Amino acid sequence: MHKGWFFLIIPSLLLVILIDRPNILQSGNRSTDDVITEIDFDSWSTQISTILFNVEGEIEYKMQASRQVHFLNNTTLLENPNLNLYQVAGGQWTVTAKSGRIQPVSEDTETSSLSAIERIELIENVELFQTDDFGNRMVLSTAFLTLDPELETLSTDQPVQFKSSTIEQTAIGMHADLNQNTVTFLSQIRGRYDATAPE
């Protein structure tokens, strides 16, 4: 290759780069506001698994999530949360969702602590289910569900659908007390009972 062509190619390439990417020369003139963004979270983790025990040392609930982000306002966002809730009588409920949010107890509360949870909000494709001793599965589906982990109650004002081996029911709004093993539907209740279905 002729040396004259070689020396012409390098300046041509530099000119093409500067025309194509004019910000290269202006990068030194950028303000710090453009470069530095304020960080509003202080930690994040993946594939988390948490177990909460009561004062007697028994498991109250287990929570898993594919990703967790903790924000400076003490709120925590979850991806694909999966909670197992254990009752004193030995029953177990499972709650899954596409995402979730842990809301802390407000700081003006006297019993507030950094680890205290006021409620867990479960968002999109929420399912609450239990399998009884005979293998029958009960599933409640909705788009949004609020869990009070201390009282072990769940509630929503969204449309809900409940299915078991014998019952199919829909409603708007629901309140469940896992300790009492009760589910109360709030309005527009429609249902079907199949007495011939196997139990």
N, C-alpha and C. Protein backbone atom coordinates (compact mmCIF):
# COMPACT_ATOMS: atom_id res chain seq x y z
N MET A 1 0.85 -1.18 0.00
CA MET A 1 0.00 0.00 0.00
C MET A 1 0.89 1.24 0.00
N HIS A 2 0.48 2.26 -0.75
CA HIS A 2 1.26 3.48 -0.85
C HIS A 2 1.14 4.27 0.44
N LYS A 3 2.29 4.81 0.96
CA LYS A 3 2.29 5.49 2.24
C LYS A 3 1.43 6.75 2.22
N GLY A 4 1.31 7.42 1.08
CA GLY A 4 0.50 8.64 0.99
C GLY A 4 -0.97 8.36 1.25
N TRP A 5 -1.50 7.24 0.74
CA TRP A 5 -2.90 6.86 0.98
C TRP A 5 -3.12 6.54 2.45
N PHE A 6 -2.13 5.93 3.07
CA PHE A 6 -2.26 5.55 4.48
C PHE A 6 -2.44 6.80 5.36
N PHE A 7 -1.65 7.85 5.07
CA PHE A 7 -1.73 9.07 5.88
C PHE A 7 -3.02 9.85 5.60
N LEU A 8 -3.65 9.64 4.47
CA LEU A 8 -4.93 10.29 4.17
C LEU A 8 -6.10 9.55 4.82
N ILE A 9 -5.97 8.24 4.98
CA ILE A 9 -7.07 7.44 5.54
C ILE A 9 -7.31 7.79 7.00
N ILE A 10 -6.24 7.96 7.81
CA ILE A 10 -6.40 8.21 9.25
C ILE A 10 -7.14 9.53 9.50
N PRO A 11 -6.77 10.66 8.90
CA PRO A 11 -7.54 11.89 9.13
C PRO A 11 -8.98 11.77 8.65
N SER A 12 -9.21 11.03 7.58
CA SER A 12 -10.57 10.85 7.07
C SER A 12 -11.43 10.11 8.08
N LEU A 13 -10.86 9.05 8.70
CA LEU A 13 -11.60 8.30 9.71
C LEU A 13 -11.93 9.18 10.91
N LEU A 14 -10.98 10.00 11.35
CA LEU A 14 -11.23 10.89 12.49
C LEU A 14 -12.34 11.89 12.16
N LEU A 15 -12.35 12.40 10.94
CA LEU A 15 -13.38 13.35 10.52
C LEU A 15 -14.75 12.70 10.51
N VAL A 16 -14.85 11.45 10.05
CA VAL A 16 -16.11 10.73 10.04
C VAL A 16 -16.62 10.52 11.47
N ILE A 17 -15.72 10.16 12.38
CA ILE A 17 -16.11 9.95 13.78
C ILE A 17 -16.64 11.24 14.39
N LEU A 18 -15.96 12.36 14.14
CA LEU A 18 -16.39 13.63 14.73
C LEU A 18 -17.71 14.11 14.14
N ILE A 19 -17.95 13.85 12.88
CA ILE A 19 -19.23 14.23 12.26
C ILE A 19 -20.35 13.35 12.79
N ASP A 20 -20.06 12.07 12.91
CA ASP A 20 -21.07 11.11 13.37
C ASP A 20 -21.37 11.27 14.86
N ARG A 21 -20.38 11.63 15.66
CA ARG A 21 -20.52 11.73 17.11
C ARG A 21 -20.01 13.10 17.58
N PRO A 22 -20.80 14.18 17.36
CA PRO A 22 -20.33 15.52 17.72
C PRO A 22 -20.19 15.71 19.23
N ASN A 23 -20.81 14.86 20.04
CA ASN A 23 -20.73 15.02 21.51
C ASN A 23 -19.36 14.71 22.07
N ILE A 24 -18.49 14.08 21.28
CA ILE A 24 -17.16 13.71 21.77
C ILE A 24 -16.39 14.95 22.19
N LEU A 25 -16.43 16.02 21.37
CA LEU A 25 -15.71 17.23 21.71
C LEU A 25 -16.42 18.03 22.79
N GLN A 26 -17.74 17.85 22.95
CA GLN A 26 -18.51 18.66 23.90
C GLN A 26 -18.58 18.01 25.27
N SER A 27 -18.05 16.80 25.43
CA SER A 27 -18.21 16.10 26.70
C SER A 27 -17.60 16.88 27.86
N GLY A 28 -16.54 17.66 27.62
CA GLY A 28 -15.93 18.43 28.68
C GLY A 28 -16.79 19.61 29.10
N ASN A 29 -17.77 20.04 28.25
CA ASN A 29 -18.60 21.20 28.55
C ASN A 29 -19.90 20.82 29.25
N ARG A 30 -20.16 19.52 29.46
CA ARG A 30 -21.40 19.10 30.08
C ARG A 30 -21.44 19.52 31.54
N SER A 31 -22.64 19.86 32.00
CA SER A 31 -22.79 20.19 33.42
C SER A 31 -22.83 18.90 34.22
N THR A 32 -22.52 19.02 35.51
CA THR A 32 -22.54 17.82 36.36
C THR A 32 -23.96 17.29 36.52
N ASP A 33 -24.99 18.12 36.32
CA ASP A 33 -26.38 17.66 36.42
C ASP A 33 -26.70 16.63 35.34
N ASP A 34 -26.06 16.78 34.16
CA ASP A 34 -26.30 15.83 33.08
C ASP A 34 -25.64 14.49 33.33
N VAL A 35 -24.54 14.49 34.05
CA VAL A 35 -23.75 13.28 34.23
C VAL A 35 -24.17 12.53 35.49
N ILE A 36 -24.39 13.25 36.59
CA ILE A 36 -24.68 12.62 37.87
C ILE A 36 -26.19 12.66 38.12
N THR A 37 -26.78 11.52 38.35
CA THR A 37 -28.19 11.45 38.70
C THR A 37 -28.31 11.04 40.16
N GLU A 38 -29.33 11.58 40.83
CA GLU A 38 -29.52 11.28 42.24
C GLU A 38 -29.99 9.84 42.42
N ILE A 39 -29.37 9.13 43.32
CA ILE A 39 -29.72 7.73 43.59
C ILE A 39 -30.72 7.71 44.73
N ASP A 40 -31.89 7.10 44.50
CA ASP A 40 -32.92 7.07 45.54
C ASP A 40 -33.05 5.70 46.20
N PHE A 41 -32.14 4.78 45.92
CA PHE A 41 -32.16 3.49 46.60
C PHE A 41 -30.79 3.23 47.22
N ASP A 42 -30.77 2.40 48.26
CA ASP A 42 -29.51 2.14 48.94
C ASP A 42 -29.04 0.70 48.84
N SER A 43 -29.91 -0.21 48.37
CA SER A 43 -29.45 -1.59 48.18
C SER A 43 -30.39 -2.33 47.26
N TRP A 44 -29.84 -3.36 46.63
CA TRP A 44 -30.66 -4.26 45.82
C TRP A 44 -30.01 -5.64 45.86
N SER A 45 -30.84 -6.65 45.66
CA SER A 45 -30.34 -8.02 45.69
C SER A 45 -31.20 -8.90 44.80
N THR A 46 -30.67 -10.04 44.43
CA THR A 46 -31.40 -10.99 43.59
C THR A 46 -31.52 -12.32 44.31
N GLN A 47 -32.57 -13.06 43.92
CA GLN A 47 -32.82 -14.40 44.48
C GLN A 47 -32.81 -14.37 46.01
N ILE A 48 -33.63 -13.48 46.58
CA ILE A 48 -33.65 -13.35 48.04
C ILE A 48 -34.59 -14.38 48.65
N SER A 49 -34.29 -14.73 49.88
CA SER A 49 -35.14 -15.64 50.65
C SER A 49 -35.11 -15.18 52.11
N THR A 50 -36.30 -14.87 52.66
CA THR A 50 -36.41 -14.34 54.01
C THR A 50 -37.36 -15.21 54.83
N ILE A 51 -37.00 -15.47 56.07
CA ILE A 51 -37.87 -16.22 56.98
C ILE A 51 -38.10 -15.37 58.22
N LEU A 52 -39.38 -15.18 58.59
CA LEU A 52 -39.73 -14.42 59.78
C LEU A 52 -40.27 -15.37 60.84
N PHE A 53 -39.69 -15.30 62.04
CA PHE A 53 -40.12 -16.15 63.16
C PHE A 53 -40.91 -15.31 64.16
N ASN A 54 -41.83 -15.96 64.89
CA ASN A 54 -42.53 -15.27 65.96
C ASN A 54 -41.72 -15.39 67.26
N VAL A 55 -42.26 -14.86 68.36
CA VAL A 55 -41.50 -14.86 69.62
C VAL A 55 -41.29 -16.26 70.18
N GLU A 56 -42.14 -17.21 69.76
CA GLU A 56 -41.97 -18.60 70.20
C GLU A 56 -40.98 -19.37 69.34
N GLY A 57 -40.43 -18.72 68.33
CA GLY A 57 -39.47 -19.38 67.46
C GLY A 57 -40.10 -20.17 66.33
N GLU A 58 -41.42 -20.01 66.13
CA GLU A 58 -42.10 -20.69 65.03
C GLU A 58 -42.10 -19.81 63.78
N ILE A 59 -42.08 -20.42 62.62
CA ILE A 59 -42.07 -19.67 61.37
C ILE A 59 -43.44 -19.03 61.15
N GLU A 60 -43.45 -17.71 60.94
CA GLU A 60 -44.69 -17.01 60.60
C GLU A 60 -44.88 -16.98 59.09
N TYR A 61 -43.82 -16.59 58.38
CA TYR A 61 -43.89 -16.65 56.92
C TYR A 61 -42.50 -16.70 56.31
N LYS A 62 -42.47 -17.23 55.09
CA LYS A 62 -41.27 -17.22 54.27
C LYS A 62 -41.56 -16.38 53.04
N MET A 63 -40.59 -15.60 52.62
CA MET A 63 -40.77 -14.80 51.42
C MET A 63 -39.56 -14.97 50.51
N GLN A 64 -39.83 -15.20 49.24
CA GLN A 64 -38.80 -15.28 48.22
C GLN A 64 -39.14 -14.29 47.11
N ALA A 65 -38.12 -13.81 46.42
CA ALA A 65 -38.32 -12.92 45.27
C ALA A 65 -37.11 -13.03 44.36
N SER A 66 -37.35 -12.84 43.07
CA SER A 66 -36.23 -12.91 42.13
C SER A 66 -35.35 -11.66 42.20
N ARG A 67 -35.95 -10.53 42.68
CA ARG A 67 -35.17 -9.29 42.82
C ARG A 67 -35.82 -8.42 43.87
N GLN A 68 -34.98 -7.69 44.61
CA GLN A 68 -35.48 -6.80 45.66
C GLN A 68 -34.68 -5.51 45.62
N VAL A 69 -35.37 -4.36 45.66
CA VAL A 69 -34.71 -3.06 45.69
C VAL A 69 -35.23 -2.29 46.90
N HIS A 70 -34.33 -1.86 47.77
CA HIS A 70 -34.71 -1.10 48.96
C HIS A 70 -34.41 0.38 48.73
N PHE A 71 -35.44 1.24 48.90
CA PHE A 71 -35.31 2.66 48.63
C PHE A 71 -35.06 3.45 49.91
N LEU A 72 -34.58 4.68 49.74
CA LEU A 72 -34.22 5.50 50.88
C LEU A 72 -35.41 5.86 51.75
N ASN A 73 -36.63 5.82 51.20
CA ASN A 73 -37.82 6.09 52.01
C ASN A 73 -38.28 4.85 52.78
N ASN A 74 -37.45 3.80 52.76
CA ASN A 74 -37.67 2.53 53.48
C ASN A 74 -38.72 1.64 52.82
N THR A 75 -39.14 1.97 51.62
CA THR A 75 -40.02 1.10 50.84
C THR A 75 -39.16 0.10 50.07
N THR A 76 -39.67 -1.12 49.91
CA THR A 76 -38.94 -2.16 49.18
C THR A 76 -39.80 -2.67 48.04
N LEU A 77 -39.24 -2.72 46.83
CA LEU A 77 -39.94 -3.28 45.68
C LEU A 77 -39.46 -4.70 45.43
N LEU A 78 -40.40 -5.56 45.04
CA LEU A 78 -40.10 -6.98 44.81
C LEU A 78 -40.49 -7.38 43.40
N GLU A 79 -39.71 -8.25 42.81
CA GLU A 79 -40.08 -8.88 41.54
C GLU A 79 -40.38 -10.36 41.80
N ASN A 80 -41.51 -10.83 41.29
CA ASN A 80 -41.94 -12.22 41.43
C ASN A 80 -41.92 -12.70 42.88
N PRO A 81 -42.61 -11.97 43.77
CA PRO A 81 -42.64 -12.42 45.17
C PRO A 81 -43.43 -13.71 45.34
N ASN A 82 -42.99 -14.52 46.30
CA ASN A 82 -43.67 -15.77 46.66
C ASN A 82 -43.63 -15.87 48.18
N LEU A 83 -44.83 -15.82 48.81
CA LEU A 83 -44.90 -15.85 50.27
C LEU A 83 -45.62 -17.11 50.72
N ASN A 84 -45.05 -17.77 51.72
CA ASN A 84 -45.70 -18.89 52.39
C ASN A 84 -46.08 -18.44 53.79
N LEU A 85 -47.38 -18.44 54.10
CA LEU A 85 -47.90 -17.98 55.38
C LEU A 85 -48.34 -19.17 56.20
N TYR A 86 -47.83 -19.28 57.42
CA TYR A 86 -48.09 -20.44 58.28
C TYR A 86 -49.04 -20.06 59.41
N GLN A 87 -50.08 -20.87 59.63
CA GLN A 87 -51.03 -20.64 60.71
C GLN A 87 -50.68 -21.50 61.92
N VAL A 88 -51.19 -21.05 63.07
CA VAL A 88 -50.93 -21.75 64.33
C VAL A 88 -51.49 -23.17 64.26
N ALA A 89 -52.64 -23.32 63.61
CA ALA A 89 -53.28 -24.64 63.54
C ALA A 89 -52.56 -25.59 62.59
N GLY A 90 -51.56 -25.08 61.88
CA GLY A 90 -50.79 -25.96 61.00
C GLY A 90 -51.07 -25.77 59.53
N GLY A 91 -52.04 -24.90 59.20
CA GLY A 91 -52.34 -24.66 57.79
C GLY A 91 -51.29 -23.77 57.14
N GLN A 92 -51.29 -23.76 55.83
CA GLN A 92 -50.35 -22.92 55.10
C GLN A 92 -51.02 -22.35 53.86
N TRP A 93 -50.86 -21.05 53.64
CA TRP A 93 -51.32 -20.39 52.43
C TRP A 93 -50.11 -19.88 51.66
N THR A 94 -50.21 -19.86 50.35
CA THR A 94 -49.15 -19.33 49.49
C THR A 94 -49.71 -18.19 48.66
N VAL A 95 -48.94 -17.10 48.56
CA VAL A 95 -49.32 -15.96 47.74
C VAL A 95 -48.21 -15.69 46.74
N THR A 96 -48.58 -15.57 45.45
CA THR A 96 -47.61 -15.24 44.42
C THR A 96 -48.12 -14.03 43.63
N ALA A 97 -47.20 -13.30 43.00
CA ALA A 97 -47.58 -12.14 42.20
C ALA A 97 -46.43 -11.81 41.25
N LYS A 98 -46.72 -10.93 40.30
CA LYS A 98 -45.68 -10.49 39.38
C LYS A 98 -44.73 -9.51 40.06
N SER A 99 -45.29 -8.65 40.91
CA SER A 99 -44.45 -7.70 41.64
C SER A 99 -45.08 -7.40 42.99
N GLY A 100 -44.34 -6.70 43.83
CA GLY A 100 -44.84 -6.38 45.15
C GLY A 100 -44.12 -5.18 45.73
N ARG A 101 -44.69 -4.66 46.82
CA ARG A 101 -44.11 -3.50 47.49
C ARG A 101 -44.29 -3.67 48.99
N ILE A 102 -43.20 -3.56 49.74
CA ILE A 102 -43.27 -3.64 51.19
C ILE A 102 -43.31 -2.22 51.74
N GLN A 103 -44.38 -1.89 52.46
CA GLN A 103 -44.54 -0.58 53.06
C GLN A 103 -44.16 -0.66 54.53
N PRO A 104 -43.24 0.18 54.99
CA PRO A 104 -42.83 0.13 56.40
C PRO A 104 -43.85 0.81 57.29
N VAL A 105 -43.78 0.53 58.58
CA VAL A 105 -44.59 1.25 59.55
C VAL A 105 -44.12 2.70 59.55
N SER A 106 -45.06 3.64 59.55
CA SER A 106 -44.70 5.05 59.49
C SER A 106 -43.84 5.42 60.70
N GLU A 107 -42.89 6.32 60.48
CA GLU A 107 -41.88 6.62 61.50
C GLU A 107 -42.46 7.31 62.73
N ASP A 108 -43.66 7.91 62.61
CA ASP A 108 -44.22 8.58 63.78
C ASP A 108 -44.93 7.61 64.72
N THR A 109 -44.99 6.32 64.32
CA THR A 109 -45.58 5.32 65.19
C THR A 109 -44.60 5.00 66.32
N GLU A 110 -45.11 4.90 67.56
CA GLU A 110 -44.25 4.69 68.72
C GLU A 110 -43.47 3.38 68.64
N THR A 111 -44.10 2.35 68.09
CA THR A 111 -43.45 1.04 68.03
C THR A 111 -42.66 0.83 66.74
N SER A 112 -42.48 1.91 65.99
CA SER A 112 -41.81 1.78 64.69
C SER A 112 -40.35 1.36 64.85
N SER A 113 -39.92 0.52 63.94
CA SER A 113 -38.50 0.16 63.86
C SER A 113 -38.17 0.01 62.38
N LEU A 114 -36.88 -0.05 62.08
CA LEU A 114 -36.48 -0.13 60.68
C LEU A 114 -36.96 -1.41 60.03
N SER A 115 -37.15 -2.47 60.81
CA SER A 115 -37.55 -3.75 60.23
C SER A 115 -39.06 -3.97 60.26
N ALA A 116 -39.82 -3.03 60.87
CA ALA A 116 -41.26 -3.22 61.01
C ALA A 116 -41.95 -3.05 59.65
N ILE A 117 -42.89 -3.95 59.35
CA ILE A 117 -43.63 -3.91 58.09
C ILE A 117 -45.09 -3.61 58.39
N GLU A 118 -45.61 -2.57 57.77
CA GLU A 118 -47.03 -2.26 57.95
C GLU A 118 -47.89 -3.15 57.05
N ARG A 119 -47.48 -3.25 55.77
CA ARG A 119 -48.24 -4.07 54.83
C ARG A 119 -47.36 -4.44 53.64
N ILE A 120 -47.77 -5.52 52.98
CA ILE A 120 -47.14 -5.93 51.74
C ILE A 120 -48.19 -5.85 50.65
N GLU A 121 -47.92 -5.08 49.61
CA GLU A 121 -48.84 -4.95 48.49
C GLU A 121 -48.37 -5.85 47.36
N LEU A 122 -49.27 -6.69 46.88
CA LEU A 122 -48.96 -7.61 45.79
C LEU A 122 -49.69 -7.15 44.55
N ILE A 123 -48.98 -7.09 43.42
CA ILE A 123 -49.48 -6.41 42.23
C ILE A 123 -49.37 -7.30 41.00
N GLU A 124 -50.46 -7.45 40.29
CA GLU A 124 -50.55 -8.12 38.98
C GLU A 124 -50.37 -9.64 39.08
N ASN A 125 -51.33 -10.34 38.50
CA ASN A 125 -51.34 -11.82 38.50
C ASN A 125 -51.20 -12.39 39.91
N VAL A 126 -51.96 -11.83 40.84
CA VAL A 126 -51.88 -12.26 42.24
C VAL A 126 -52.70 -13.53 42.43
N GLU A 127 -52.10 -14.52 43.07
CA GLU A 127 -52.81 -15.76 43.40
C GLU A 127 -52.57 -16.12 44.86
N LEU A 128 -53.66 -16.38 45.57
CA LEU A 128 -53.62 -16.87 46.94
C LEU A 128 -54.17 -18.28 46.89
N PHE A 129 -53.40 -19.28 47.32
CA PHE A 129 -53.90 -20.65 47.21
C PHE A 129 -53.48 -21.50 48.40
N GLN A 130 -54.24 -22.58 48.58
CA GLN A 130 -54.00 -23.54 49.65
C GLN A 130 -54.43 -24.91 49.16
N THR A 131 -53.72 -25.93 49.57
CA THR A 131 -54.11 -27.31 49.28
C THR A 131 -54.44 -27.99 50.60
N ASP A 132 -55.65 -28.58 50.68
CA ASP A 132 -56.07 -29.19 51.94
C ASP A 132 -55.46 -30.59 52.10
N ASP A 133 -55.81 -31.25 53.20
CA ASP A 133 -55.24 -32.57 53.50
C ASP A 133 -55.62 -33.64 52.49
N PHE A 134 -56.70 -33.38 51.71
CA PHE A 134 -57.16 -34.35 50.71
C PHE A 134 -56.63 -34.04 49.31
N GLY A 135 -55.78 -33.01 49.20
CA GLY A 135 -55.21 -32.64 47.91
C GLY A 135 -56.06 -31.70 47.10
N ASN A 136 -57.17 -31.21 47.67
CA ASN A 136 -58.02 -30.24 46.96
C ASN A 136 -57.39 -28.86 47.05
N ARG A 137 -57.32 -28.20 45.91
CA ARG A 137 -56.67 -26.89 45.83
C ARG A 137 -57.71 -25.79 45.74
N MET A 138 -57.55 -24.75 46.55
CA MET A 138 -58.40 -23.57 46.51
C MET A 138 -57.54 -22.40 46.04
N VAL A 139 -58.00 -21.67 45.02
CA VAL A 139 -57.22 -20.58 44.44
C VAL A 139 -58.07 -19.32 44.37
N LEU A 140 -57.51 -18.21 44.84
CA LEU A 140 -58.15 -16.91 44.72
C LEU A 140 -57.24 -16.03 43.87
N SER A 141 -57.78 -15.46 42.79
CA SER A 141 -56.99 -14.66 41.86
C SER A 141 -57.51 -13.23 41.82
N THR A 142 -56.59 -12.27 41.71
CA THR A 142 -56.96 -10.86 41.60
C THR A 142 -55.78 -10.08 41.03
N ALA A 143 -55.98 -8.77 40.81
CA ALA A 143 -54.92 -7.94 40.25
C ALA A 143 -54.11 -7.22 41.33
N PHE A 144 -54.69 -7.08 42.53
CA PHE A 144 -54.01 -6.34 43.60
C PHE A 144 -54.49 -6.87 44.94
N LEU A 145 -53.54 -7.08 45.87
CA LEU A 145 -53.89 -7.63 47.16
C LEU A 145 -52.98 -7.01 48.22
N THR A 146 -53.58 -6.61 49.34
CA THR A 146 -52.81 -6.06 50.46
C THR A 146 -52.77 -7.06 51.59
N LEU A 147 -51.57 -7.34 52.08
CA LEU A 147 -51.37 -8.30 53.16
C LEU A 147 -50.87 -7.57 54.40
N ASP A 148 -51.56 -7.79 55.52
CA ASP A 148 -51.07 -7.34 56.82
C ASP A 148 -50.41 -8.54 57.47
N PRO A 149 -49.07 -8.59 57.49
CA PRO A 149 -48.39 -9.80 57.98
C PRO A 149 -48.58 -10.04 59.48
N GLU A 150 -48.83 -8.98 60.25
CA GLU A 150 -49.00 -9.17 61.69
C GLU A 150 -50.35 -9.79 62.01
N LEU A 151 -51.41 -9.27 61.37
CA LEU A 151 -52.76 -9.79 61.61
C LEU A 151 -53.08 -10.99 60.72
N GLU A 152 -52.25 -11.21 59.69
CA GLU A 152 -52.47 -12.27 58.70
C GLU A 152 -53.84 -12.12 58.05
N THR A 153 -54.10 -10.89 57.59
CA THR A 153 -55.31 -10.59 56.84
C THR A 153 -54.92 -10.09 55.46
N LEU A 154 -55.80 -10.35 54.49
CA LEU A 154 -55.59 -9.90 53.12
C LEU A 154 -56.85 -9.21 52.65
N SER A 155 -56.69 -8.18 51.82
CA SER A 155 -57.86 -7.47 51.33
C SER A 155 -57.58 -6.86 49.96
N THR A 156 -58.67 -6.63 49.22
CA THR A 156 -58.59 -5.96 47.93
C THR A 156 -59.95 -5.35 47.62
N ASP A 157 -59.95 -4.30 46.80
CA ASP A 157 -61.20 -3.74 46.29
C ASP A 157 -61.36 -4.05 44.81
N GLN A 158 -60.46 -4.90 44.29
CA GLN A 158 -60.46 -5.27 42.88
C GLN A 158 -61.34 -6.51 42.63
N PRO A 159 -61.68 -6.78 41.36
CA PRO A 159 -62.39 -8.03 41.05
C PRO A 159 -61.57 -9.24 41.48
N VAL A 160 -62.25 -10.24 42.05
CA VAL A 160 -61.59 -11.46 42.50
C VAL A 160 -62.32 -12.68 41.94
N GLN A 161 -61.59 -13.75 41.78
CA GLN A 161 -62.17 -15.01 41.33
C GLN A 161 -61.67 -16.11 42.27
N PHE A 162 -62.61 -16.92 42.78
CA PHE A 162 -62.27 -18.00 43.69
C PHE A 162 -62.67 -19.32 43.03
N LYS A 163 -61.76 -20.30 43.08
CA LYS A 163 -62.03 -21.61 42.50
C LYS A 163 -61.59 -22.71 43.45
N SER A 164 -62.42 -23.71 43.58
CA SER A 164 -62.05 -24.95 44.28
C SER A 164 -62.63 -26.10 43.47
N SER A 165 -62.55 -27.31 44.00
CA SER A 165 -63.06 -28.47 43.27
C SER A 165 -64.59 -28.42 43.13
N THR A 166 -65.26 -27.68 44.00
CA THR A 166 -66.74 -27.64 43.96
C THR A 166 -67.32 -26.26 43.74
N ILE A 167 -66.54 -25.21 43.92
CA ILE A 167 -67.08 -23.84 43.86
C ILE A 167 -66.29 -22.99 42.88
N GLU A 168 -67.02 -22.17 42.10
CA GLU A 168 -66.43 -21.09 41.32
C GLU A 168 -67.20 -19.83 41.68
N GLN A 169 -66.48 -18.79 42.06
CA GLN A 169 -67.15 -17.59 42.53
C GLN A 169 -66.37 -16.36 42.09
N THR A 170 -67.10 -15.29 41.73
CA THR A 170 -66.48 -14.01 41.41
C THR A 170 -67.12 -12.94 42.27
N ALA A 171 -66.39 -11.85 42.49
CA ALA A 171 -66.89 -10.75 43.30
C ALA A 171 -66.03 -9.52 43.06
N ILE A 172 -66.50 -8.40 43.59
CA ILE A 172 -65.69 -7.18 43.63
C ILE A 172 -65.32 -6.95 45.09
N GLY A 173 -64.06 -6.99 45.40
CA GLY A 173 -63.59 -6.78 46.76
C GLY A 173 -63.65 -8.03 47.60
N MET A 174 -62.70 -8.15 48.53
CA MET A 174 -62.60 -9.35 49.36
C MET A 174 -61.77 -9.03 50.60
N HIS A 175 -62.11 -9.71 51.70
CA HIS A 175 -61.31 -9.64 52.92
C HIS A 175 -61.12 -11.07 53.42
N ALA A 176 -59.88 -11.45 53.68
CA ALA A 176 -59.59 -12.81 54.16
C ALA A 176 -58.85 -12.73 55.47
N ASP A 177 -59.25 -13.56 56.42
CA ASP A 177 -58.56 -13.70 57.70
C ASP A 177 -58.01 -15.12 57.75
N LEU A 178 -56.70 -15.24 57.59
CA LEU A 178 -56.10 -16.57 57.49
C LEU A 178 -56.11 -17.31 58.82
N ASN A 179 -56.06 -16.59 59.93
CA ASN A 179 -56.13 -17.24 61.23
C ASN A 179 -57.50 -17.85 61.49
N GLN A 180 -58.55 -17.15 61.02
CA GLN A 180 -59.91 -17.66 61.19
C GLN A 180 -60.33 -18.56 60.03
N ASN A 181 -59.49 -18.62 58.98
CA ASN A 181 -59.79 -19.40 57.79
C ASN A 181 -61.10 -18.96 57.14
N THR A 182 -61.30 -17.63 57.06
CA THR A 182 -62.52 -17.09 56.47
C THR A 182 -62.19 -16.16 55.32
N VAL A 183 -63.05 -16.17 54.30
CA VAL A 183 -62.96 -15.25 53.17
C VAL A 183 -64.32 -14.61 53.01
N THR A 184 -64.36 -13.28 53.02
CA THR A 184 -65.61 -12.54 52.87
C THR A 184 -65.57 -11.75 51.57
N PHE A 185 -66.51 -12.03 50.68
CA PHE A 185 -66.61 -11.28 49.44
C PHE A 185 -67.51 -10.07 49.66
N LEU A 186 -67.19 -8.92 49.05
CA LEU A 186 -67.82 -7.67 49.44
C LEU A 186 -69.01 -7.26 48.57
N SER A 187 -68.96 -7.43 47.26
CA SER A 187 -70.09 -6.98 46.42
C SER A 187 -70.08 -7.71 45.08
N GLN A 188 -71.21 -7.61 44.38
CA GLN A 188 -71.40 -8.21 43.05
C GLN A 188 -70.96 -9.67 43.03
N ILE A 189 -71.46 -10.42 43.99
CA ILE A 189 -71.04 -11.82 44.17
C ILE A 189 -71.81 -12.72 43.22
N ARG A 190 -71.10 -13.50 42.45
CA ARG A 190 -71.70 -14.47 41.54
C ARG A 190 -70.98 -15.79 41.75
N GLY A 191 -71.73 -16.90 41.74
CA GLY A 191 -71.05 -18.16 41.99
C GLY A 191 -71.78 -19.36 41.43
N ARG A 192 -71.07 -20.47 41.44
CA ARG A 192 -71.63 -21.74 40.97
C ARG A 192 -71.08 -22.85 41.87
N TYR A 193 -71.99 -23.70 42.31
CA TYR A 193 -71.60 -24.82 43.18
C TYR A 193 -71.91 -26.12 42.47
N ASP A 194 -70.92 -26.99 42.38
CA ASP A 194 -71.07 -28.28 41.72
C ASP A 194 -71.06 -29.37 42.79
N ALA A 195 -72.24 -29.86 43.15
CA ALA A 195 -72.35 -30.85 44.21
C ALA A 195 -71.83 -32.20 43.77
N THR A 196 -71.73 -32.44 42.47
CA THR A 196 -71.29 -33.75 41.96
C THR A 196 -69.77 -33.84 41.83
N ALA A 197 -69.07 -32.71 42.00
CA ALA A 197 -67.62 -32.73 41.81
C ALA A 197 -66.97 -33.53 42.93
N PRO A 198 -65.89 -34.24 42.63
CA PRO A 198 -65.19 -35.02 43.67
C PRO A 198 -64.58 -34.10 44.70
N GLU A 199 -64.65 -34.50 45.95
CA GLU A 199 -64.10 -33.67 47.03
C GLU A 199 -62.69 -34.12 47.38
